[in-house]
């Protein structure tokens, strides 16, 4: 096997692992405190408030 071929396989494996990490999701259960904008809300999880922004959502900005 050629060295370049081994490198390309290794690089592809690292890339696939990186993509898999990006698409990893976590389930969060809480109560919506308020909607900050069309794609942003504040979620109450226990004693903590989390600001959640949804990506790839095309909504108008609130005034």
N, C-alpha and C. Protein backbone atom coordinates (compact mmCIF):
# COMPACT_ATOMS: atom_id res chain seq x y z
N UNK A 1 0.84 -1.17 0.00
CA UNK A 1 0.00 0.00 0.00
C UNK A 1 0.89 1.25 0.00
N UNK A 2 0.47 2.27 -0.73
CA UNK A 2 1.24 3.49 -0.81
C UNK A 2 1.02 4.35 0.44
N UNK A 3 2.02 5.15 0.77
CA UNK A 3 1.95 6.02 1.95
C UNK A 3 0.82 7.04 1.79
N UNK A 4 0.66 7.59 0.59
CA UNK A 4 -0.41 8.56 0.34
C UNK A 4 -1.78 7.96 0.55
N UNK A 5 -1.96 6.71 0.18
CA UNK A 5 -3.24 6.03 0.34
C UNK A 5 -3.57 5.84 1.82
N UNK A 6 -2.57 5.48 2.60
CA UNK A 6 -2.76 5.32 4.05
C UNK A 6 -3.12 6.66 4.68
N UNK A 7 -2.41 7.70 4.27
CA UNK A 7 -2.69 9.04 4.79
C UNK A 7 -4.11 9.47 4.45
N UNK A 8 -4.54 9.23 3.22
CA UNK A 8 -5.89 9.63 2.81
C UNK A 8 -6.96 8.88 3.60
N UNK A 9 -6.74 7.60 3.87
CA UNK A 9 -7.69 6.82 4.68
C UNK A 9 -7.75 7.37 6.11
N UNK A 10 -6.59 7.69 6.66
CA UNK A 10 -6.53 8.25 8.00
C UNK A 10 -7.23 9.61 8.05
N UNK A 11 -6.95 10.46 7.06
CA UNK A 11 -7.58 11.78 7.00
C UNK A 11 -9.09 11.66 6.86
N UNK A 12 -9.57 10.73 6.05
CA UNK A 12 -11.00 10.52 5.89
C UNK A 12 -11.63 10.06 7.19
N UNK A 13 -10.97 9.16 7.91
CA UNK A 13 -11.50 8.68 9.19
C UNK A 13 -11.60 9.82 10.20
N UNK A 14 -10.58 10.67 10.27
CA UNK A 14 -10.60 11.82 11.18
C UNK A 14 -11.71 12.78 10.79
N UNK A 15 -11.87 13.03 9.51
CA UNK A 15 -12.93 13.92 9.03
C UNK A 15 -14.32 13.37 9.39
N UNK A 16 -14.53 12.09 9.20
CA UNK A 16 -15.82 11.49 9.54
C UNK A 16 -16.10 11.57 11.04
N UNK A 17 -15.09 11.36 11.86
CA UNK A 17 -15.26 11.50 13.31
C UNK A 17 -15.59 12.94 13.69
N UNK A 18 -14.95 13.90 13.03
CA UNK A 18 -15.21 15.31 13.29
C UNK A 18 -16.65 15.66 12.91
N UNK A 19 -17.10 15.20 11.76
CA UNK A 19 -18.48 15.46 11.31
C UNK A 19 -19.47 14.81 12.27
N UNK A 20 -19.19 13.61 12.71
CA UNK A 20 -20.08 12.93 13.65
C UNK A 20 -20.18 13.71 14.96
N UNK A 21 -19.10 14.30 15.41
CA UNK A 21 -19.12 15.09 16.65
C UNK A 21 -19.95 16.35 16.47
N UNK A 22 -19.88 16.97 15.32
CA UNK A 22 -20.65 18.18 15.06
C UNK A 22 -22.15 17.88 15.08
N UNK A 23 -22.54 16.75 14.56
CA UNK A 23 -23.96 16.44 14.46
C UNK A 23 -24.52 15.76 15.71
N UNK A 24 -23.70 15.58 16.74
CA UNK A 24 -24.15 14.97 17.98
C UNK A 24 -25.15 15.91 18.64
N UNK A 25 -26.25 15.37 19.14
CA UNK A 25 -27.29 16.18 19.77
C UNK A 25 -27.51 15.71 21.19
N UNK A 26 -27.99 16.62 22.01
CA UNK A 26 -28.30 16.31 23.40
C UNK A 26 -29.73 16.74 23.66
N UNK A 27 -30.47 15.93 24.39
CA UNK A 27 -31.84 16.27 24.75
C UNK A 27 -31.84 17.06 26.05
N UNK A 28 -32.49 18.21 26.04
CA UNK A 28 -32.59 19.05 27.23
C UNK A 28 -34.08 19.25 27.51
N UNK A 29 -34.48 18.98 28.73
CA UNK A 29 -35.87 19.15 29.13
C UNK A 29 -35.95 20.34 30.07
N UNK A 30 -36.82 21.29 29.74
CA UNK A 30 -36.97 22.48 30.56
C UNK A 30 -38.24 23.23 30.21
N UNK A 31 -38.35 24.43 30.74
CA UNK A 31 -39.51 25.28 30.52
C UNK A 31 -39.06 26.55 29.80
N UNK A 32 -39.80 26.94 28.78
CA UNK A 32 -39.47 28.16 28.04
C UNK A 32 -39.83 29.36 28.91
N UNK A 33 -38.83 30.18 29.24
CA UNK A 33 -39.07 31.40 30.02
C UNK A 33 -39.57 32.53 29.12
N UNK A 34 -38.89 32.69 27.98
CA UNK A 34 -39.31 33.74 27.04
C UNK A 34 -38.69 33.49 25.68
N UNK A 35 -39.29 34.09 24.67
CA UNK A 35 -38.75 34.06 23.32
C UNK A 35 -38.04 35.38 23.10
N UNK A 36 -36.72 35.33 22.86
CA UNK A 36 -35.94 36.54 22.67
C UNK A 36 -36.08 37.07 21.25
N UNK A 37 -36.18 36.17 20.30
CA UNK A 37 -36.23 36.53 18.89
C UNK A 37 -36.91 35.38 18.17
N UNK A 38 -37.07 35.49 16.87
CA UNK A 38 -37.74 34.43 16.13
C UNK A 38 -37.04 33.09 16.18
N UNK A 39 -35.72 33.10 16.38
CA UNK A 39 -34.96 31.86 16.41
C UNK A 39 -34.18 31.66 17.72
N UNK A 40 -34.50 32.46 18.74
CA UNK A 40 -33.78 32.40 20.01
C UNK A 40 -34.78 32.39 21.16
N UNK A 41 -34.54 31.49 22.11
CA UNK A 41 -35.39 31.45 23.30
C UNK A 41 -34.55 31.20 24.53
N UNK A 42 -35.14 31.52 25.70
CA UNK A 42 -34.48 31.27 26.97
C UNK A 42 -35.20 30.12 27.64
N UNK A 43 -34.46 29.09 27.99
CA UNK A 43 -35.01 27.87 28.55
C UNK A 43 -34.55 27.73 29.99
N UNK A 44 -35.47 27.45 30.90
CA UNK A 44 -35.16 27.23 32.32
C UNK A 44 -34.98 25.74 32.54
N UNK A 45 -33.78 25.33 32.93
CA UNK A 45 -33.46 23.94 33.22
C UNK A 45 -32.99 23.90 34.67
N UNK A 46 -33.86 23.46 35.56
CA UNK A 46 -33.53 23.48 36.99
C UNK A 46 -33.36 24.90 37.47
N UNK A 47 -32.19 25.22 38.00
CA UNK A 47 -31.89 26.58 38.49
C UNK A 47 -31.18 27.42 37.43
N UNK A 48 -30.92 26.84 36.28
CA UNK A 48 -30.12 27.49 35.25
C UNK A 48 -30.98 27.96 34.08
N UNK A 49 -30.67 29.12 33.53
CA UNK A 49 -31.31 29.62 32.32
C UNK A 49 -30.35 29.45 31.16
N UNK A 50 -30.82 28.81 30.09
CA UNK A 50 -30.00 28.59 28.90
C UNK A 50 -30.58 29.37 27.74
N UNK A 51 -29.75 30.06 27.00
CA UNK A 51 -30.18 30.72 25.77
C UNK A 51 -29.95 29.75 24.62
N UNK A 52 -31.02 29.42 23.92
CA UNK A 52 -30.97 28.46 22.82
C UNK A 52 -31.22 29.22 21.52
N UNK A 53 -30.30 29.07 20.56
CA UNK A 53 -30.50 29.69 19.24
C UNK A 53 -30.53 28.57 18.21
N UNK A 54 -31.60 28.53 17.45
CA UNK A 54 -31.78 27.53 16.42
C UNK A 54 -31.07 27.98 15.15
N UNK A 55 -30.24 27.10 14.60
CA UNK A 55 -29.52 27.45 13.38
C UNK A 55 -30.34 27.05 12.16
N UNK A 56 -30.09 27.71 11.06
CA UNK A 56 -30.75 27.45 9.78
C UNK A 56 -32.26 27.68 9.83
N UNK A 57 -32.68 28.61 10.70
CA UNK A 57 -34.09 29.00 10.79
C UNK A 57 -34.19 30.42 10.27
N UNK A 58 -34.99 30.62 9.24
CA UNK A 58 -35.14 31.93 8.64
C UNK A 58 -36.40 32.59 9.20
N UNK A 59 -36.23 33.44 10.20
CA UNK A 59 -37.36 34.13 10.82
C UNK A 59 -37.06 35.61 10.86
N UNK A 60 -38.09 36.44 10.85
CA UNK A 60 -37.86 37.88 10.96
C UNK A 60 -37.41 38.24 12.37
N UNK A 61 -36.63 39.31 12.46
CA UNK A 61 -36.18 39.80 13.76
C UNK A 61 -37.34 40.48 14.47
N UNK A 62 -37.41 40.31 15.81
CA UNK A 62 -38.45 40.96 16.59
C UNK A 62 -37.99 42.37 16.92
N UNK A 63 -38.93 43.29 16.98
CA UNK A 63 -38.58 44.69 17.30
C UNK A 63 -38.94 45.02 18.71
